[in-house]
């Protein structure tokens, strides 16, 4: 069982790298998509991603219950590719259409902590290969507004927690992968 986290910025090549790793595995690939088409532009992005994936890969769309999807699809003969953790995080933070004030402390939705804990518990189980794609959002300037800072903080915490449980962590910039962590086999 190999657990991999592929990090990078927007348009860094992280998804393409993760997809290459999945294709090279020789296993049945289950692609767990966390994106939701909230507007026309996002619908186009999703359609493009779908068109680029191999036809034999099965796609499972899951916006919120990511741990449940992993529990259902992880198996020794499969590789589950999750793209991406930061979209999933956004889905959780705005579950139910919650509007956050841009002042004061941000209270995270009740479901957030339970879903995050369930994901980390699922990742700790040795049930099959998994690759996570996630954005590294903390390398720029400090975001403006409480909700954007809370999002960047939670994304950083999530990436750290997932990286700690993964055997391999790769950072991708300009399409070039840089190995950050690789467990010896």
Protein backbone atom coordinates (compact mmCIF):
# COMPACT_ATOMS: atom_id res chain seq x y z
CA UNK A 1 0.00 0.00 0.00
CA UNK A 2 1.39 3.38 -1.01
CA UNK A 3 -0.07 6.70 0.08
CA UNK A 4 1.04 9.70 -1.95
CA UNK A 5 0.40 13.43 -1.63
CA UNK A 6 1.08 15.61 -4.68
CA UNK A 7 1.22 19.32 -3.84
CA UNK A 8 1.59 22.36 -6.04
CA UNK A 9 0.18 25.74 -6.96
CA UNK A 10 -2.47 26.52 -9.53
CA UNK A 11 -1.52 25.18 -12.97
CA UNK A 12 1.70 23.70 -11.58
CA UNK A 13 1.18 20.32 -13.23
CA UNK A 14 0.26 18.54 -10.00
CA UNK A 15 -2.85 16.80 -11.40
CA UNK A 16 -0.99 15.68 -14.52
CA UNK A 17 1.81 14.27 -12.35
CA UNK A 18 -0.65 12.44 -10.10
CA UNK A 19 -2.41 11.02 -13.15
CA UNK A 20 0.92 9.77 -14.56
CA UNK A 21 1.67 8.03 -11.26
CA UNK A 22 -1.78 6.42 -11.30
CA UNK A 23 -1.40 5.26 -14.91
CA UNK A 24 2.03 3.77 -14.13
CA UNK A 25 0.67 1.77 -11.19
CA UNK A 26 -0.82 -0.94 -13.42
CA UNK A 27 -3.83 -1.05 -11.10
CA UNK A 28 -7.49 -0.31 -11.63
CA UNK A 29 -7.87 3.45 -11.09
CA UNK A 30 -10.79 5.04 -9.29
CA UNK A 31 -10.76 8.82 -9.76
CA UNK A 32 -12.51 10.63 -6.91
CA UNK A 33 -13.43 14.12 -8.09
CA UNK A 34 -14.26 16.65 -5.39
CA UNK A 35 -15.10 19.59 -7.65
CA UNK A 36 -18.62 20.90 -8.12
CA UNK A 37 -19.65 22.95 -11.13
CA UNK A 38 -20.91 26.10 -9.45
CA UNK A 39 -20.68 28.13 -12.67
CA UNK A 40 -20.03 27.75 -16.39
CA UNK A 41 -16.29 28.27 -16.15
CA UNK A 42 -15.94 25.52 -13.52
CA UNK A 43 -18.17 23.22 -15.59
CA UNK A 44 -15.74 23.71 -18.50
CA UNK A 45 -12.76 22.88 -16.27
CA UNK A 46 -14.47 19.70 -15.07
CA UNK A 47 -15.35 18.67 -18.64
CA UNK A 48 -11.73 19.20 -19.72
CA UNK A 49 -10.43 17.07 -16.84
CA UNK A 50 -12.93 14.31 -17.70
CA UNK A 51 -11.91 14.33 -21.36
CA UNK A 52 -8.22 14.02 -20.48
CA UNK A 53 -8.63 10.97 -18.23
CA UNK A 54 -8.28 7.45 -19.64
CA UNK A 55 -11.66 5.95 -20.53
CA UNK A 56 -11.09 2.87 -18.35
CA UNK A 57 -10.77 4.95 -15.17
CA UNK A 58 -13.94 5.04 -13.13
CA UNK A 59 -14.92 8.48 -11.85
CA UNK A 60 -16.66 8.93 -8.51
CA UNK A 61 -17.88 12.43 -7.68
CA UNK A 62 -17.83 13.21 -3.97
CA UNK A 63 -17.96 16.76 -2.65
CA UNK A 64 -18.11 16.10 1.10
CA UNK A 65 -17.96 12.48 2.32
CA UNK A 66 -14.42 11.79 1.13
CA UNK A 67 -13.59 9.28 3.88
CA UNK A 68 -16.71 7.31 3.00
CA UNK A 69 -15.69 7.24 -0.67
CA UNK A 70 -12.21 6.02 0.26
CA UNK A 71 -13.69 3.31 2.47
CA UNK A 72 -15.89 2.16 -0.40
CA UNK A 73 -13.25 2.15 -3.15
CA UNK A 74 -9.83 1.42 -1.62
CA UNK A 75 -8.67 -2.15 -2.22
CA UNK A 76 -5.33 -3.91 -2.83
CA UNK A 77 -5.99 -4.22 -6.59
CA UNK A 78 -6.96 -0.54 -6.97
CA UNK A 79 -5.43 2.89 -6.81
CA UNK A 80 -7.71 5.71 -5.72
CA UNK A 81 -6.78 9.16 -7.03
CA UNK A 82 -8.39 12.07 -5.17
CA UNK A 83 -8.35 15.42 -6.98
CA UNK A 84 -8.35 17.57 -4.95
CA UNK A 85 -8.16 18.06 -1.19
CA UNK A 86 -8.37 21.85 -1.30
CA UNK A 87 -11.59 21.79 -3.33
CA UNK A 88 -12.96 19.30 -0.81
CA UNK A 89 -11.92 21.67 1.97
CA UNK A 90 -13.78 24.53 0.26
CA UNK A 91 -16.86 22.33 -0.08
CA UNK A 92 -16.77 21.57 3.64
CA UNK A 93 -16.20 25.16 4.69
CA UNK A 94 -19.16 26.36 2.64
CA UNK A 95 -21.41 23.33 3.13
CA UNK A 96 -24.99 24.51 3.15
CA UNK A 97 -24.14 27.83 1.51
CA UNK A 98 -22.94 29.39 4.75
CA UNK A 99 -21.99 33.03 4.31
CA UNK A 100 -19.09 33.97 6.53
CA UNK A 101 -18.62 37.49 7.78
CA UNK A 102 -15.27 38.94 6.86
CA UNK A 103 -14.65 40.18 10.38
CA UNK A 104 -13.78 38.48 13.62
CA UNK A 105 -13.10 34.83 14.30
CA UNK A 106 -14.36 32.20 11.89
CA UNK A 107 -16.31 29.29 13.34
CA UNK A 108 -15.89 26.23 11.16
CA UNK A 109 -19.02 24.26 10.22
CA UNK A 110 -19.78 21.36 12.61
CA UNK A 111 -19.32 18.77 9.86
CA UNK A 112 -15.81 20.02 9.08
CA UNK A 113 -14.00 18.46 12.05
CA UNK A 114 -15.82 15.13 11.76
CA UNK A 115 -15.09 14.77 8.02
CA UNK A 116 -11.44 15.78 8.46
CA UNK A 117 -10.96 13.27 11.31
CA UNK A 118 -12.69 10.52 9.29
CA UNK A 119 -10.43 11.21 6.29
CA UNK A 120 -7.26 10.98 8.37
CA UNK A 121 -8.48 7.78 10.06
CA UNK A 122 -9.28 6.24 6.66
CA UNK A 123 -5.85 7.22 5.33
CA UNK A 124 -4.17 5.47 8.28
CA UNK A 125 -5.79 2.15 7.30
CA UNK A 126 -3.75 -0.14 5.01
CA UNK A 127 -6.43 -0.81 2.41
CA UNK A 128 -4.90 0.06 -0.96
CA UNK A 129 -2.94 2.70 -2.84
CA UNK A 130 -4.15 6.27 -2.79
CA UNK A 131 -2.89 9.50 -4.36
CA UNK A 132 -4.10 12.87 -3.12
CA UNK A 133 -3.74 16.10 -5.09
CA UNK A 134 -3.75 19.33 -3.10
CA UNK A 135 -2.96 22.98 -3.62
CA UNK A 136 -0.16 24.60 -1.69
CA UNK A 137 -1.84 27.91 -0.90
CA UNK A 138 0.44 29.21 1.83
CA UNK A 139 3.43 30.34 -0.22
CA UNK A 140 2.15 33.76 -1.21
CA UNK A 141 1.11 36.86 0.62
CA UNK A 142 -1.14 36.68 3.67
CA UNK A 143 -4.71 36.61 2.31
CA UNK A 144 -7.04 39.53 2.85
CA UNK A 145 -10.05 38.78 5.00
CA UNK A 146 -10.78 36.39 7.83
CA UNK A 147 -12.36 33.63 5.74
CA UNK A 148 -9.51 33.52 3.23
CA UNK A 149 -6.98 33.41 6.05
CA UNK A 150 -8.97 30.64 7.75
CA UNK A 151 -9.05 28.71 4.46
CA UNK A 152 -5.27 29.06 3.97
CA UNK A 153 -4.70 27.99 7.59
CA UNK A 154 -6.95 24.94 7.30
CA UNK A 155 -5.44 23.96 3.93
CA UNK A 156 -1.97 24.11 5.48
CA UNK A 157 -3.04 22.06 8.48
CA UNK A 158 -4.77 19.50 6.25
CA UNK A 159 -1.74 19.18 3.95
CA UNK A 160 0.56 18.70 6.95
CA UNK A 161 -1.69 16.02 8.49
CA UNK A 162 -2.05 14.13 5.21
CA UNK A 163 1.69 14.43 4.46
CA UNK A 164 2.51 12.96 7.87
CA UNK A 165 0.46 9.84 7.00
CA UNK A 166 1.73 9.51 3.43
CA UNK A 167 4.68 7.40 2.33
CA UNK A 168 5.52 9.78 -0.49
CA UNK A 169 5.07 13.55 -0.84
CA UNK A 170 5.84 15.32 -4.10
CA UNK A 171 5.86 19.06 -4.75
CA UNK A 172 5.26 20.08 -8.37
CA UNK A 173 6.27 23.47 -9.81
CA UNK A 174 6.35 24.34 -13.52
CA UNK A 175 5.51 20.72 -14.29
CA UNK A 176 8.61 19.47 -12.49
CA UNK A 177 8.21 17.10 -9.54
CA UNK A 178 10.41 17.52 -6.46
CA UNK A 179 10.37 14.60 -4.01
CA UNK A 180 9.86 15.91 -0.47
CA UNK A 181 9.36 12.57 1.26
CA UNK A 182 9.79 8.99 0.19
CA UNK A 183 9.57 6.09 2.61
CA UNK A 184 12.11 3.38 1.99
CA UNK A 185 10.48 0.11 0.96
